[in-house]
PDB file of N, CA and C in Angstrom:
ATOM      1  N   MET A   1     -28.633 -31.042  18.036  1.00  0.00           N
ATOM      2  CA  MET A   1     -28.223 -30.543  18.529  1.00  0.00           C
ATOM      3  C   MET A   1     -28.746 -29.486  17.627  1.00  0.00           C
ATOM      4  N   ARG A   2     -28.879 -28.429  19.079  1.00  0.00           N
ATOM      5  CA  ARG A   2     -28.963 -26.985  18.065  1.00  0.00           C
ATOM      6  C   ARG A   2     -27.978 -26.040  18.560  1.00  0.00           C
ATOM      7  N   ILE A   3     -27.370 -25.193  17.185  1.00  0.00           N
ATOM      8  CA  ILE A   3     -26.190 -24.306  16.973  1.00  0.00           C
ATOM      9  C   ILE A   3     -27.233 -22.465  17.534  1.00  0.00           C
ATOM     10  N   GLY A   4     -26.681 -22.285  18.237  1.00  0.00           N
ATOM     11  CA  GLY A   4     -26.958 -20.455  18.710  1.00  0.00           C
ATOM     12  C   GLY A   4     -26.900 -20.249  17.540  1.00  0.00           C
ATOM     13  N   PRO A   5     -26.840 -18.586  17.544  1.00  0.00           N
ATOM     14  CA  PRO A   5     -27.337 -17.563  16.743  1.00  0.00           C
ATOM     15  C   PRO A   5     -26.022 -17.128  16.580  1.00  0.00           C
ATOM     16  N   PHE A   6     -25.237 -16.933  16.767  1.00  0.00           N
ATOM     17  CA  PHE A   6     -24.081 -17.166  18.394  1.00  0.00           C
ATOM     18  C   PHE A   6     -22.445 -17.885  17.233  1.00  0.00           C
ATOM     19  N   LEU A   7     -23.085 -18.522  17.550  1.00  0.00           N
ATOM     20  CA  LEU A   7     -21.699 -19.667  16.819  1.00  0.00           C
ATOM     21  C   LEU A   7     -21.940 -19.761  14.887  1.00  0.00           C
ATOM     22  N   LEU A   8     -23.617 -19.350  14.891  1.00  0.00           N
ATOM     23  CA  LEU A   8     -23.842 -19.651  13.057  1.00  0.00           C
ATOM     24  C   LEU A   8     -23.234 -18.984  12.824  1.00  0.00           C
ATOM     25  N   GLY A   9     -23.577 -17.898  13.676  1.00  0.00           N
ATOM     26  CA  GLY A   9     -22.686 -16.591  12.594  1.00  0.00           C
ATOM     27  C   GLY A   9     -21.301 -16.888  12.815  1.00  0.00           C
ATOM     28  N   ALA A  10     -20.499 -16.694  13.729  1.00  0.00           N
ATOM     29  CA  ALA A  10     -18.872 -16.876  13.820  1.00  0.00           C
ATOM     30  C   ALA A  10     -18.299 -18.160  12.797  1.00  0.00           C
ATOM     31  N   ILE A  11     -19.337 -19.681  12.533  1.00  0.00           N
ATOM     32  CA  ILE A  11     -18.619 -20.668  11.902  1.00  0.00           C
ATOM     33  C   ILE A  11     -18.810 -19.722  10.124  1.00  0.00           C
ATOM     34  N   CYS A  12     -19.659 -19.059   9.805  1.00  0.00           N
ATOM     35  CA  CYS A  12     -19.721 -18.830   8.907  1.00  0.00           C
ATOM     36  C   CYS A  12     -18.719 -17.530   8.242  1.00  0.00           C
ATOM     37  N   ILE A  13     -18.591 -16.800   9.168  1.00  0.00           N
ATOM     38  CA  ILE A  13     -17.206 -15.566   9.048  1.00  0.00           C
ATOM     39  C   ILE A  13     -16.054 -16.178   8.644  1.00  0.00           C
ATOM     40  N   LEU A  14     -16.096 -17.826   9.495  1.00  0.00           N
ATOM     41  CA  LEU A  14     -15.139 -18.612   9.282  1.00  0.00           C
ATOM     42  C   LEU A  14     -15.091 -19.632   8.167  1.00  0.00           C
ATOM     43  N   VAL A  15     -15.662 -19.635   7.328  1.00  0.00           N
ATOM     44  CA  VAL A  15     -16.362 -20.726   6.323  1.00  0.00           C
ATOM     45  C   VAL A  15     -15.591 -19.233   4.856  1.00  0.00           C
ATOM     46  N   ILE A  16     -16.675 -17.817   4.853  1.00  0.00           N
ATOM     47  CA  ILE A  16     -16.671 -17.095   3.662  1.00  0.00           C
ATOM     48  C   ILE A  16     -14.677 -16.904   4.291  1.00  0.00           C
ATOM     49  N   GLY A  17     -14.650 -16.633   5.289  1.00  0.00           N
ATOM     50  CA  GLY A  17     -13.369 -15.914   5.368  1.00  0.00           C
ATOM     51  C   GLY A  17     -11.497 -16.713   5.219  1.00  0.00           C
ATOM     52  N   CYS A  18     -12.239 -17.913   5.058  1.00  0.00           N
ATOM     53  CA  CYS A  18     -11.504 -19.526   4.280  1.00  0.00           C
ATOM     54  C   CYS A  18     -11.159 -19.395   2.983  1.00  0.00           C
ATOM     55  N   GLU A  19     -12.122 -18.671   2.494  1.00  0.00           N
ATOM     56  CA  GLU A  19     -12.215 -18.635   0.717  1.00  0.00           C
ATOM     57  C   GLU A  19     -11.207 -17.817   0.475  1.00  0.00           C
ATOM     58  N   SER A  20     -10.768 -16.802   0.346  1.00  0.00           N
ATOM     59  CA  SER A  20     -10.616 -15.708   0.032  1.00  0.00           C
ATOM     60  C   SER A  20      -9.128 -16.224  -0.126  1.00  0.00           C
ATOM     61  N   GLU A  21      -8.328 -16.151  -0.693  1.00  0.00           N
ATOM     62  CA  GLU A  21      -6.379 -17.311  -1.703  1.00  0.00           C
ATOM     63  C   GLU A  21      -5.540 -15.707  -0.630  1.00  0.00           C
ATOM     64  N   ASN A  22      -5.486 -14.617  -0.353  1.00  0.00           N
ATOM     65  CA  ASN A  22      -4.597 -13.144  -0.305  1.00  0.00           C
ATOM     66  C   ASN A  22      -5.374 -12.410   0.686  1.00  0.00           C
ATOM     67  N   ILE A  23      -5.031 -13.139   1.894  1.00  0.00           N
ATOM     68  CA  ILE A  23      -5.216 -12.441   3.612  1.00  0.00           C
ATOM     69  C   ILE A  23      -5.285 -10.966   3.813  1.00  0.00           C
ATOM     70  N   GLU A  24      -3.916 -10.931   2.676  1.00  0.00           N
ATOM     71  CA  GLU A  24      -3.692  -8.886   3.060  1.00  0.00           C
ATOM     72  C   GLU A  24      -4.784  -7.957   2.305  1.00  0.00           C
ATOM     73  N   GLU A  25      -5.741  -9.025   1.837  1.00  0.00           N
ATOM     74  CA  GLU A  25      -6.915  -8.331   1.512  1.00  0.00           C
ATOM     75  C   GLU A  25      -7.925  -8.564   2.860  1.00  0.00           C
ATOM     76  N   TYR A  26      -7.550  -8.864   3.403  1.00  0.00           N
ATOM     77  CA  TYR A  26      -8.215  -8.463   4.957  1.00  0.00           C
ATOM     78  C   TYR A  26      -7.609  -7.714   6.429  1.00  0.00           C
ATOM     79  N   PHE A  27      -6.454  -7.644   5.314  1.00  0.00           N
ATOM     80  CA  PHE A  27      -5.709  -6.394   6.793  1.00  0.00           C
ATOM     81  C   PHE A  27      -5.302  -5.065   6.042  1.00  0.00           C
ATOM     82  N   ALA A  28      -6.311  -4.946   4.988  1.00  0.00           N
ATOM     83  CA  ALA A  28      -5.462  -3.259   4.242  1.00  0.00           C
ATOM     84  C   ALA A  28      -5.494  -2.602   4.562  1.00  0.00           C
ATOM     85  N   ASP A  29      -6.640  -2.114   6.055  1.00  0.00           N
ATOM     86  CA  ASP A  29      -7.014  -0.917   6.656  1.00  0.00           C
ATOM     87  C   ASP A  29      -6.023  -1.289   7.450  1.00  0.00           C
ATOM     88  N   VAL A  30      -5.122  -2.231   8.240  1.00  0.00           N
ATOM     89  CA  VAL A  30      -4.868  -1.885   8.949  1.00  0.00           C
ATOM     90  C   VAL A  30      -2.731  -1.044   8.292  1.00  0.00           C
ATOM     91  N   GLU A  31      -2.626  -0.062   9.044  1.00  0.00           N
ATOM     92  CA  GLU A  31      -1.190   0.532   8.760  1.00  0.00           C
ATOM     93  C   GLU A  31       0.051   0.362   8.893  1.00  0.00           C
ATOM     94  N   CYS A  32       0.091   1.018   8.382  1.00  0.00           N
ATOM     95  CA  CYS A  32       1.823   0.181   7.916  1.00  0.00           C
ATOM     96  C   CYS A  32       2.829   1.249   8.500  1.00  0.00           C
ATOM     97  N   PRO A  33       3.679   0.999  10.254  1.00  0.00           N
ATOM     98  CA  PRO A  33       4.602   2.703  10.456  1.00  0.00           C
ATOM     99  C   PRO A  33       5.607   2.538   9.537  1.00  0.00           C
ATOM    100  N   THR A  34       5.897   3.449   9.245  1.00  0.00           N
ATOM    101  CA  THR A  34       7.617   3.653   9.032  1.00  0.00           C
ATOM    102  C   THR A  34       7.568   4.911   9.162  1.00  0.00           C
ATOM    103  N   ASP A  35       7.906   5.267   9.753  1.00  0.00           N
ATOM    104  CA  ASP A  35       7.627   6.676  10.371  1.00  0.00           C
ATOM    105  C   ASP A  35       8.789   6.383  11.788  1.00  0.00           C
ATOM    106  N   ASN A  36       9.860   7.188  11.543  1.00  0.00           N
ATOM    107  CA  ASN A  36      11.288   6.508  12.444  1.00  0.00           C
ATOM    108  C   ASN A  36      11.348   5.264  12.606  1.00  0.00           C
ATOM    109  N   VAL A  37      11.735   4.392  11.056  1.00  0.00           N
ATOM    110  CA  VAL A  37      11.844   3.062  11.691  1.00  0.00           C
ATOM    111  C   VAL A  37      13.356   2.961  12.570  1.00  0.00           C
ATOM    112  N   SER A  38      13.218   2.173  12.598  1.00  0.00           N
ATOM    113  CA  SER A  38      14.560   1.245  13.845  1.00  0.00           C
ATOM    114  C   SER A  38      15.332   0.790  13.190  1.00  0.00           C
ATOM    115  N   PHE A  39      16.664   0.094  13.412  1.00  0.00           N
ATOM    116  CA  PHE A  39      17.193  -0.714  12.706  1.00  0.00           C
ATOM    117  C   PHE A  39      16.705  -2.114  13.639  1.00  0.00           C
ATOM    118  N   HIS A  40      17.048  -2.060  14.466  1.00  0.00           N
ATOM    119  CA  HIS A  40      17.252  -2.669  16.399  1.00  0.00           C
ATOM    120  C   HIS A  40      15.659  -3.024  16.617  1.00  0.00           C
ATOM    121  N   ALA A  41      15.224  -2.615  16.056  1.00  0.00           N
ATOM    122  CA  ALA A  41      13.534  -2.894  16.664  1.00  0.00           C
ATOM    123  C   ALA A  41      12.877  -2.867  15.282  1.00  0.00           C
ATOM    124  N   ASP A  42      12.674  -2.623  14.095  1.00  0.00           N
ATOM    125  CA  ASP A  42      11.799  -2.728  12.937  1.00  0.00           C
ATOM    126  C   ASP A  42      12.468  -3.674  11.724  1.00  0.00           C
ATOM    127  N   VAL A  43      13.814  -3.446  11.349  1.00  0.00           N
ATOM    128  CA  VAL A  43      14.309  -3.913  10.343  1.00  0.00           C
ATOM    129  C   VAL A  43      14.963  -5.758  11.200  1.00  0.00           C
ATOM    130  N   ARG A  44      15.844  -5.147  12.280  1.00  0.00           N
ATOM    131  CA  ARG A  44      15.995  -6.594  12.655  1.00  0.00           C
ATOM    132  C   ARG A  44      15.457  -7.749  12.855  1.00  0.00           C
ATOM    133  N   PRO A  45      14.280  -7.202  13.454  1.00  0.00           N
ATOM    134  CA  PRO A  45      13.896  -8.388  13.281  1.00  0.00           C
ATOM    135  C   PRO A  45      12.798  -9.006  12.306  1.00  0.00           C
ATOM    136  N   ILE A  46      12.611  -8.512  11.615  1.00  0.00           N
ATOM    137  CA  ILE A  46      12.649  -8.994   9.857  1.00  0.00           C
ATOM    138  C   ILE A  46      13.616 -10.186   9.452  1.00  0.00           C
ATOM    139  N   LEU A  47      14.550  -9.397   9.616  1.00  0.00           N
ATOM    140  CA  LEU A  47      15.813 -10.101   8.885  1.00  0.00           C
ATOM    141  C   LEU A  47      15.797 -11.389   9.586  1.00  0.00           C
ATOM    142  N   ASP A  48      15.483 -11.875  10.848  1.00  0.00           N
ATOM    143  CA  ASP A  48      16.069 -12.265  12.054  1.00  0.00           C
ATOM    144  C   ASP A  48      15.059 -13.743  11.127  1.00  0.00           C
ATOM    145  N   SER A  49      13.963 -13.396  11.538  1.00  0.00           N
ATOM    146  CA  SER A  49      12.433 -14.010  11.160  1.00  0.00           C
ATOM    147  C   SER A  49      12.580 -15.010   9.735  1.00  0.00           C
ATOM    148  N   HIS A  50      13.412 -13.924   8.610  1.00  0.00           N
ATOM    149  CA  HIS A  50      13.249 -13.993   7.300  1.00  0.00           C
ATOM    150  C   HIS A  50      14.056 -14.057   6.606  1.00  0.00           C
ATOM    151  N   CYS A  51      15.271 -14.555   6.802  1.00  0.00           N
ATOM    152  CA  CYS A  51      16.671 -14.257   5.874  1.00  0.00           C
ATOM    153  C   CYS A  51      17.690 -14.795   7.406  1.00  0.00           C
ATOM    154  N   ASN A  52      17.794 -14.845   8.117  1.00  0.00           N
ATOM    155  CA  ASN A  52      19.267 -15.002   8.877  1.00  0.00           C
ATOM    156  C   ASN A  52      19.109 -17.067   8.893  1.00  0.00           C
ATOM    157  N   ASP A  53      17.916 -17.500   8.637  1.00  0.00           N
ATOM    158  CA  ASP A  53      18.362 -19.099   8.754  1.00  0.00           C
ATOM    159  C   ASP A  53      19.149 -19.053   7.567  1.00  0.00           C
ATOM    160  N   CYS A  54      18.942 -18.769   6.666  1.00  0.00           N
ATOM    161  CA  CYS A  54      20.297 -18.771   5.676  1.00  0.00           C
ATOM    162  C   CYS A  54      21.346 -18.363   5.107  1.00  0.00           C
ATOM    163  N   HIS A  55      21.090 -17.048   6.251  1.00  0.00           N
ATOM    164  CA  HIS A  55      22.080 -15.839   5.529  1.00  0.00           C
ATOM    165  C   HIS A  55      23.190 -15.591   6.556  1.00  0.00           C
ATOM    166  N   ASN A  56      23.412 -16.203   8.181  1.00  0.00           N
ATOM    167  CA  ASN A  56      24.057 -15.956   8.805  1.00  0.00           C
ATOM    168  C   ASN A  56      25.528 -16.708   8.765  1.00  0.00           C
ATOM    169  N   SER A  57      26.483 -15.970   9.848  1.00  0.00           N
ATOM    170  CA  SER A  57      27.981 -16.535   9.710  1.00  0.00           C
ATOM    171  C   SER A  57      27.551 -18.051   9.439  1.00  0.00           C
ATOM    172  N   THR A  58      27.510 -18.564   9.934  1.00  0.00           N
ATOM    173  CA  THR A  58      26.991 -19.962   9.544  1.00  0.00           C
ATOM    174  C   THR A  58      26.880 -20.982   8.575  1.00  0.00           C
ATOM    175  N   ALA A  59      25.686 -19.945   8.256  1.00  0.00           N
ATOM    176  CA  ALA A  59      25.367 -20.681   7.073  1.00  0.00           C
ATOM    177  C   ALA A  59      25.899 -20.671   5.327  1.00  0.00           C
ATOM    178  N   GLN A  60      25.783 -18.965   5.787  1.00  0.00           N
ATOM    179  CA  GLN A  60      26.126 -17.954   4.501  1.00  0.00           C
ATOM    180  C   GLN A  60      25.977 -18.269   3.043  1.00  0.00           C
ATOM    181  N   LEU A  61      24.620 -18.587   3.057  1.00  0.00           N
ATOM    182  CA  LEU A  61      24.576 -19.149   1.524  1.00  0.00           C
ATOM    183  C   LEU A  61      24.518 -18.077   0.544  1.00  0.00           C
ATOM    184  N   GLY A  62      24.876 -18.090  -0.449  1.00  0.00           N
ATOM    185  CA  GLY A  62      24.780 -17.526  -1.513  1.00  0.00           C
ATOM    186  C   GLY A  62      26.598 -16.699  -1.041  1.00  0.00           C
ATOM    187  N   GLY A  63      26.911 -16.396   0.403  1.00  0.00           N
ATOM    188  CA  GLY A  63      27.672 -15.811   0.268  1.00  0.00           C
ATOM    189  C   GLY A  63      27.807 -15.075   0.774  1.00  0.00           C
ATOM    190  N   ILE A  64      26.396 -14.325   1.478  1.00  0.00           N
ATOM    191  CA  ILE A  64      26.137 -13.566   1.770  1.00  0.00           C
ATOM    192  C   ILE A  64      25.716 -13.566   3.654  1.00  0.00           C
ATOM    193  N   ILE A  65      25.876 -12.879   4.071  1.00  0.00           N
ATOM    194  CA  ILE A  65      25.744 -12.752   5.772  1.00  0.00           C
ATOM    195  C   ILE A  65      24.861 -11.548   6.295  1.00  0.00           C
ATOM    196  N   LEU A  66      23.265 -11.473   7.401  1.00  0.00           N
ATOM    197  CA  LEU A  66      22.913 -11.099   7.482  1.00  0.00           C
ATOM    198  C   LEU A  66      23.103 -10.494   8.819  1.00  0.00           C
ATOM    199  N   ASP A  67      23.575 -10.890   9.619  1.00  0.00           N
ATOM    200  CA  ASP A  67      24.048 -11.681  11.071  1.00  0.00           C
ATOM    201  C   ASP A  67      24.147  -9.973  11.383  1.00  0.00           C
ATOM    202  N   ALA A  68      24.568  -9.034  11.019  1.00  0.00           N
ATOM    203  CA  ALA A  68      25.237  -7.630  12.076  1.00  0.00           C
ATOM    204  C   ALA A  68      24.820  -6.588  10.925  1.00  0.00           C
ATOM    205  N   TYR A  69      24.648  -4.936  11.994  1.00  0.00           N
ATOM    206  CA  TYR A  69      24.621  -4.797  11.188  1.00  0.00           C
ATOM    207  C   TYR A  69      25.151  -3.812   9.588  1.00  0.00           C
ATOM    208  N   GLU A  70      26.784  -3.641  10.016  1.00  0.00           N
ATOM    209  CA  GLU A  70      27.475  -3.612   8.880  1.00  0.00           C
ATOM    210  C   GLU A  70      27.485  -4.268   7.712  1.00  0.00           C
ATOM    211  N   ASP A  71      27.041  -5.825   8.773  1.00  0.00           N
ATOM    212  CA  ASP A  71      26.536  -6.770   7.439  1.00  0.00           C
ATOM    213  C   ASP A  71      25.669  -6.464   6.059  1.00  0.00           C
ATOM    214  N   VAL A  72      25.101  -5.971   6.512  1.00  0.00           N
ATOM    215  CA  VAL A  72      23.563  -5.497   5.996  1.00  0.00           C
ATOM    216  C   VAL A  72      23.599  -4.013   5.409  1.00  0.00           C
ATOM    217  N   LEU A  73      23.926  -3.470   5.719  1.00  0.00           N
ATOM    218  CA  LEU A  73      25.033  -2.276   5.425  1.00  0.00           C
ATOM    219  C   LEU A  73      25.821  -2.084   3.976  1.00  0.00           C
ATOM    220  N   LEU A  74      25.820  -3.334   3.514  1.00  0.00           N
ATOM    221  CA  LEU A  74      27.400  -3.547   2.450  1.00  0.00           C
ATOM    222  C   LEU A  74      25.501  -4.077   1.572  1.00  0.00           C
ATOM    223  N   TYR A  75      24.261  -4.935   1.969  1.00  0.00           N
ATOM    224  CA  TYR A  75      24.026  -5.073   0.484  1.00  0.00           C
ATOM    225  C   TYR A  75      22.992  -3.634   0.680  1.00  0.00           C
ATOM    226  N   VAL A  76      22.983  -3.074   1.623  1.00  0.00           N
ATOM    227  CA  VAL A  76      21.967  -2.437   1.529  1.00  0.00           C
ATOM    228  C   VAL A  76      22.743  -0.560   0.368  1.00  0.00           C
ATOM    229  N   HIS A  77      23.961  -0.590   0.439  1.00  0.00           N
ATOM    230  CA  HIS A  77      24.535   0.272  -0.178  1.00  0.00           C
ATOM    231  C   HIS A  77      24.968  -0.773  -1.746  1.00  0.00           C
ATOM    232  N   ASN A  78      24.990  -1.238  -1.867  1.00  0.00           N
ATOM    233  CA  ASN A  78      24.642  -2.034  -3.547  1.00  0.00           C
ATOM    234  C   ASN A  78      23.627  -1.773  -3.541  1.00  0.00           C
ATOM    235  N   ASP A  79      22.140  -1.348  -3.053  1.00  0.00           N
ATOM    236  CA  ASP A  79      20.553  -2.443  -3.922  1.00  0.00           C
ATOM    237  C   ASP A  79      20.822  -3.989  -3.789  1.00  0.00           C
ATOM    238  N   ARG A  80      21.370  -4.737  -3.256  1.00  0.00           N
ATOM    239  CA  ARG A  80      21.002  -6.413  -3.079  1.00  0.00           C
ATOM    240  C   ARG A  80      19.703  -6.477  -2.341  1.00  0.00           C
ATOM    241  N   LEU A  81      19.598  -5.748  -1.206  1.00  0.00           N
ATOM    242  CA  LEU A  81      19.112  -6.439  -0.490  1.00  0.00           C
ATOM    243  C   LEU A  81      17.545  -5.637  -0.654  1.00  0.00           C
ATOM    244  N   LEU A  82      17.030  -3.994  -1.339  1.00  0.00           N
ATOM    245  CA  LEU A  82      15.925  -4.215  -1.638  1.00  0.00           C
ATOM    246  C   LEU A  82      15.600  -4.573  -2.691  1.00  0.00           C
ATOM    247  N   GLY A  83      16.974  -4.204  -4.206  1.00  0.00           N
ATOM    248  CA  GLY A  83      16.276  -5.586  -4.648  1.00  0.00           C
ATOM    249  C   GLY A  83      15.774  -6.729  -4.688  1.00  0.00           C
ATOM    250  N   SER A  84      16.323  -7.303  -4.151  1.00  0.00           N
ATOM    251  CA  SER A  84      16.086  -8.407  -3.457  1.00  0.00           C
ATOM    252  C   SER A  84      15.106  -9.214  -2.632  1.00  0.00           C
ATOM    253  N   ILE A  85      14.473  -8.423  -2.450  1.00  0.00           N
ATOM    254  CA  ILE A  85      13.677  -8.477  -1.394  1.00  0.00           C
ATOM    255  C   ILE A  85      11.601  -8.108  -1.849  1.00  0.00           C
ATOM    256  N   LYS A  86      11.787  -7.372  -3.018  1.00  0.00           N
ATOM    257  CA  LYS A  86      10.870  -6.306  -4.018  1.00  0.00           C
ATOM    258  C   LYS A  86      11.311  -7.237  -4.702  1.00  0.00           C
ATOM    259  N   HIS A  87      12.343  -8.260  -5.403  1.00  0.00           N
ATOM    260  CA  HIS A  87      11.660  -9.429  -6.457  1.00  0.00           C
ATOM    261  C   HIS A  87      11.822  -8.429  -8.128  1.00  0.00           C
ATOM    262  N   LEU A  88      12.586  -7.496  -7.846  1.00  0.00           N
ATOM    263  CA  LEU A  88      12.932  -6.403  -8.491  1.00  0.00           C
ATOM    264  C   LEU A  88      13.738  -6.859  -9.834  1.00  0.00           C
ATOM    265  N   PRO A  89      13.977  -7.154 -11.330  1.00  0.00           N
ATOM    266  CA  PRO A  89      14.399  -7.800 -12.314  1.00  0.00           C
ATOM    267  C   PRO A  89      16.179  -7.442 -11.512  1.00  0.00           C
ATOM    268  N   GLY A  90      16.901  -8.473 -12.389  1.00  0.00           N
ATOM    269  CA  GLY A  90      18.584  -8.120 -11.750  1.00  0.00           C
ATOM    270  C   GLY A  90      18.942  -9.120 -10.050  1.00  0.00           C
ATOM    271  N   PHE A  91      17.988  -9.079  -9.653  1.00  0.00           N
ATOM    272  CA  PHE A  91      18.360  -9.391  -8.336  1.00  0.00           C
ATOM    273  C   PHE A  91      17.923 -10.736  -8.122  1.00  0.00           C
ATOM    274  N   SER A  92      18.385 -11.382  -7.688  1.00  0.00           N
ATOM    275  CA  SER A  92      18.061 -13.005  -6.998  1.00  0.00           C
ATOM    276  C   SER A  92      16.616 -12.464  -6.012  1.00  0.00           C
ATOM    277  N   PRO A  93      15.664 -13.308  -6.697  1.00  0.00           N
ATOM    278  CA  PRO A  93      14.731 -12.398  -5.791  1.00  0.00           C
ATOM    279  C   PRO A  93      14.791 -13.385  -4.372  1.00  0.00           C
ATOM    280  N   MET A  94      14.153 -12.860  -3.310  1.00  0.00           N
ATOM    281  CA  MET A  94      14.725 -13.869  -1.795  1.00  0.00           C
ATOM    282  C   MET A  94      12.743 -13.237  -0.820  1.00  0.00           C
ATOM    283  N   PRO A  95      12.421 -14.499  -0.269  1.00  0.00           N
ATOM    284  CA  PRO A  95      13.226 -15.668  -0.094  1.00  0.00           C
ATOM    285  C   PRO A  95      13.107 -16.285  -1.188  1.00  0.00           C
ATOM    286  N   GLN A  96      14.031 -17.266  -1.556  1.00  0.00           N
ATOM    287  CA  GLN A  96      13.422 -18.100  -2.767  1.00  0.00           C
ATOM    288  C   GLN A  96      12.607 -19.423  -1.919  1.00  0.00           C
ATOM    289  N   ILE A  97      12.741 -19.366  -1.506  1.00  0.00           N
ATOM    290  CA  ILE A  97      11.729 -20.925  -0.464  1.00  0.00           C
ATOM    291  C   ILE A  97      10.467 -19.904   0.194  1.00  0.00           C
ATOM    292  N   GLY A  98       9.741 -20.012  -0.207  1.00  0.00           N
ATOM    293  CA  GLY A  98       8.971 -19.460   0.448  1.00  0.00           C
ATOM    294  C   GLY A  98       8.146 -18.267  -0.138  1.00  0.00           C
ATOM    295  N   SER A  99       7.041 -17.554   1.200  1.00  0.00           N
ATOM    296  CA  SER A  99       6.376 -15.992   0.276  1.00  0.00           C
ATOM    297  C   SER A  99       7.267 -15.095   0.619  1.00  0.00           C
ATOM    298  N   MET A 100       7.215 -13.904  -1.125  1.00  0.00           N
ATOM    299  CA  MET A 100       7.610 -12.328  -1.029  1.00  0.00           C
ATOM    300  C   MET A 100       7.791 -12.114   0.807  1.00  0.00           C
ATOM    301  N   LEU A 101       8.216 -11.188   1.167  1.00  0.00           N
ATOM    302  CA  LEU A 101       7.926 -11.224   2.289  1.00  0.00           C
ATOM    303  C   LEU A 101       6.740  -9.994   2.272  1.00  0.00           C
ATOM    304  N   ASP A 102       5.517  -9.634   3.324  1.00  0.00           N
ATOM    305  CA  ASP A 102       4.468  -8.692   3.072  1.00  0.00           C
ATOM    306  C   ASP A 102       4.488  -7.105   2.898  1.00  0.00           C
ATOM    307  N   ASP A 103       3.577  -6.593   2.150  1.00  0.00           N
ATOM    308  CA  ASP A 103       4.205  -5.684   1.422  1.00  0.00           C
ATOM    309  C   ASP A 103       4.875  -4.580   3.202  1.00  0.00           C
ATOM    310  N   CYS A 104       4.258  -4.522   4.246  1.00  0.00           N
ATOM    311  CA  CYS A 104       4.815  -3.495   5.404  1.00  0.00           C
ATOM    312  C   CYS A 104       5.745  -3.834   5.371  1.00  0.00           C
ATOM    313  N   SER A 105       6.234  -5.052   5.858  1.00  0.00           N
ATOM    314  CA  SER A 105       7.852  -5.326   6.287  1.00  0.00           C
ATOM    315  C   SER A 105       9.165  -5.353   5.063  1.00  0.00           C
ATOM    316  N   ILE A 106       8.594  -5.180   3.579  1.00  0.00           N
ATOM    317  CA  ILE A 106       9.304  -4.057   3.162  1.00  0.00           C
ATOM    318  C   ILE A 106       9.244  -2.615   2.490  1.00  0.00           C
ATOM    319  N   ASP A 107       7.889  -1.974   3.091  1.00  0.00           N
ATOM    320  CA  ASP A 107       8.225  -0.899   3.449  1.00  0.00           C
ATOM    321  C   ASP A 107       9.026  -0.557   4.402  1.00  0.00           C
ATOM    322  N   GLN A 108       8.522  -1.038   5.353  1.00  0.00           N
ATOM    323  CA  GLN A 108       9.841  -0.632   6.665  1.00  0.00           C
ATOM    324  C   GLN A 108      11.397  -0.744   6.376  1.00  0.00           C
ATOM    325  N   ILE A 109      11.721  -2.085   5.625  1.00  0.00           N
ATOM    326  CA  ILE A 109      13.309  -1.571   5.087  1.00  0.00           C
ATOM    327  C   ILE A 109      13.161  -0.712   4.385  1.00  0.00           C
ATOM    328  N   GLU A 110      12.669  -0.225   3.531  1.00  0.00           N
ATOM    329  CA  GLU A 110      12.695   0.524   2.492  1.00  0.00           C
ATOM    330  C   GLU A 110      12.965   2.122   3.029  1.00  0.00           C
ATOM    331  N   ALA A 111      11.505   2.175   4.546  1.00  0.00           N
ATOM    332  CA  ALA A 111      11.765   3.645   4.574  1.00  0.00           C
ATOM    333  C   ALA A 111      13.048   3.995   5.440  1.00  0.00           C
ATOM    334  N   TRP A 112      12.975   2.500   6.202  1.00  0.00           N
ATOM    335  CA  TRP A 112      14.411   2.867   6.937  1.00  0.00           C
ATOM    336  C   TRP A 112      15.602   3.190   6.373  1.00  0.00           C
ATOM    337  N   ILE A 113      16.221   2.311   4.922  1.00  0.00           N
ATOM    338  CA  ILE A 113      17.305   2.813   4.077  1.00  0.00           C
ATOM    339  C   ILE A 113      16.786   3.566   3.534  1.00  0.00           C
ATOM    340  N   GLN A 114      15.783   4.629   3.355  1.00  0.00           N
ATOM    341  CA  GLN A 114      15.704   6.312   3.129  1.00  0.00           C
ATOM    342  C   GLN A 114      15.895   7.054   3.642  1.00  0.00           C
ATOM    343  N   SER A 115      15.757   6.999   4.589  1.00  0.00           N
ATOM    344  CA  SER A 115      16.000   7.645   5.635  1.00  0.00           C
ATOM    345  C   SER A 115      17.470   7.371   6.428  1.00  0.00           C
ATOM    346  N   GLY A 116      17.908   6.871   5.036  1.00  0.00           N
ATOM    347  CA  GLY A 116      19.947   6.761   5.579  1.00  0.00           C
ATOM    348  C   GLY A 116      20.298   5.296   5.996  1.00  0.00           C
ATOM    349  N   ALA A 117      19.814   4.285   6.008  1.00  0.00           N
ATOM    350  CA  ALA A 117      20.126   3.335   7.048  1.00  0.00           C
ATOM    351  C   ALA A 117      20.449   3.579   8.177  1.00  0.00           C
ATOM    352  N   PRO A 118      20.380   4.006   8.645  1.00  0.00           N
ATOM    353  CA  PRO A 118      21.224   4.269  10.364  1.00  0.00           C
ATOM    354  C   PRO A 118      20.714   3.582  11.423  1.00  0.00           C
ATOM    355  N   ASP A 119      21.855   2.848  12.180  1.00  0.00           N
ATOM    356  CA  ASP A 119      22.273   2.193  12.841  1.00  0.00           C
ATOM    357  C   ASP A 119      22.006   2.339  14.908  1.00  0.00           C
ATOM    358  N   ASN A 120      19.964   2.407  14.654  1.00  0.00           N
ATOM    359  CA  ASN A 120      19.155   2.921  15.609  1.00  0.00           C
ATOM    360  C   ASN A 120      18.768   1.621  15.694  1.00  0.00           C
TER     361      ASN A 120
END
């Protein structure tokens, strides 16, 4: 069986690409939008996909609920949201199971908080 140059090149790229343990280095040049971060369009989806399996009104793990804007705002004001997702000393690192949130998600949440954490 003969492998064409295009297929051979694609296989080489895949093999080389799989050698890296840090996928973020491949996406380092991708810009992370932190201007005009919206709670409903940006922050809420991050929380829904990474936090709300454990921190919803039904599960309430650790007594923390992040279902609604008002719930999230409580943890913004006491610095627990940002402290936990950034794994800062003195805060319970979140998520406890799995990988830390990606840098862009953390940057977007932080930008939203720094803009006053609006309900937008």
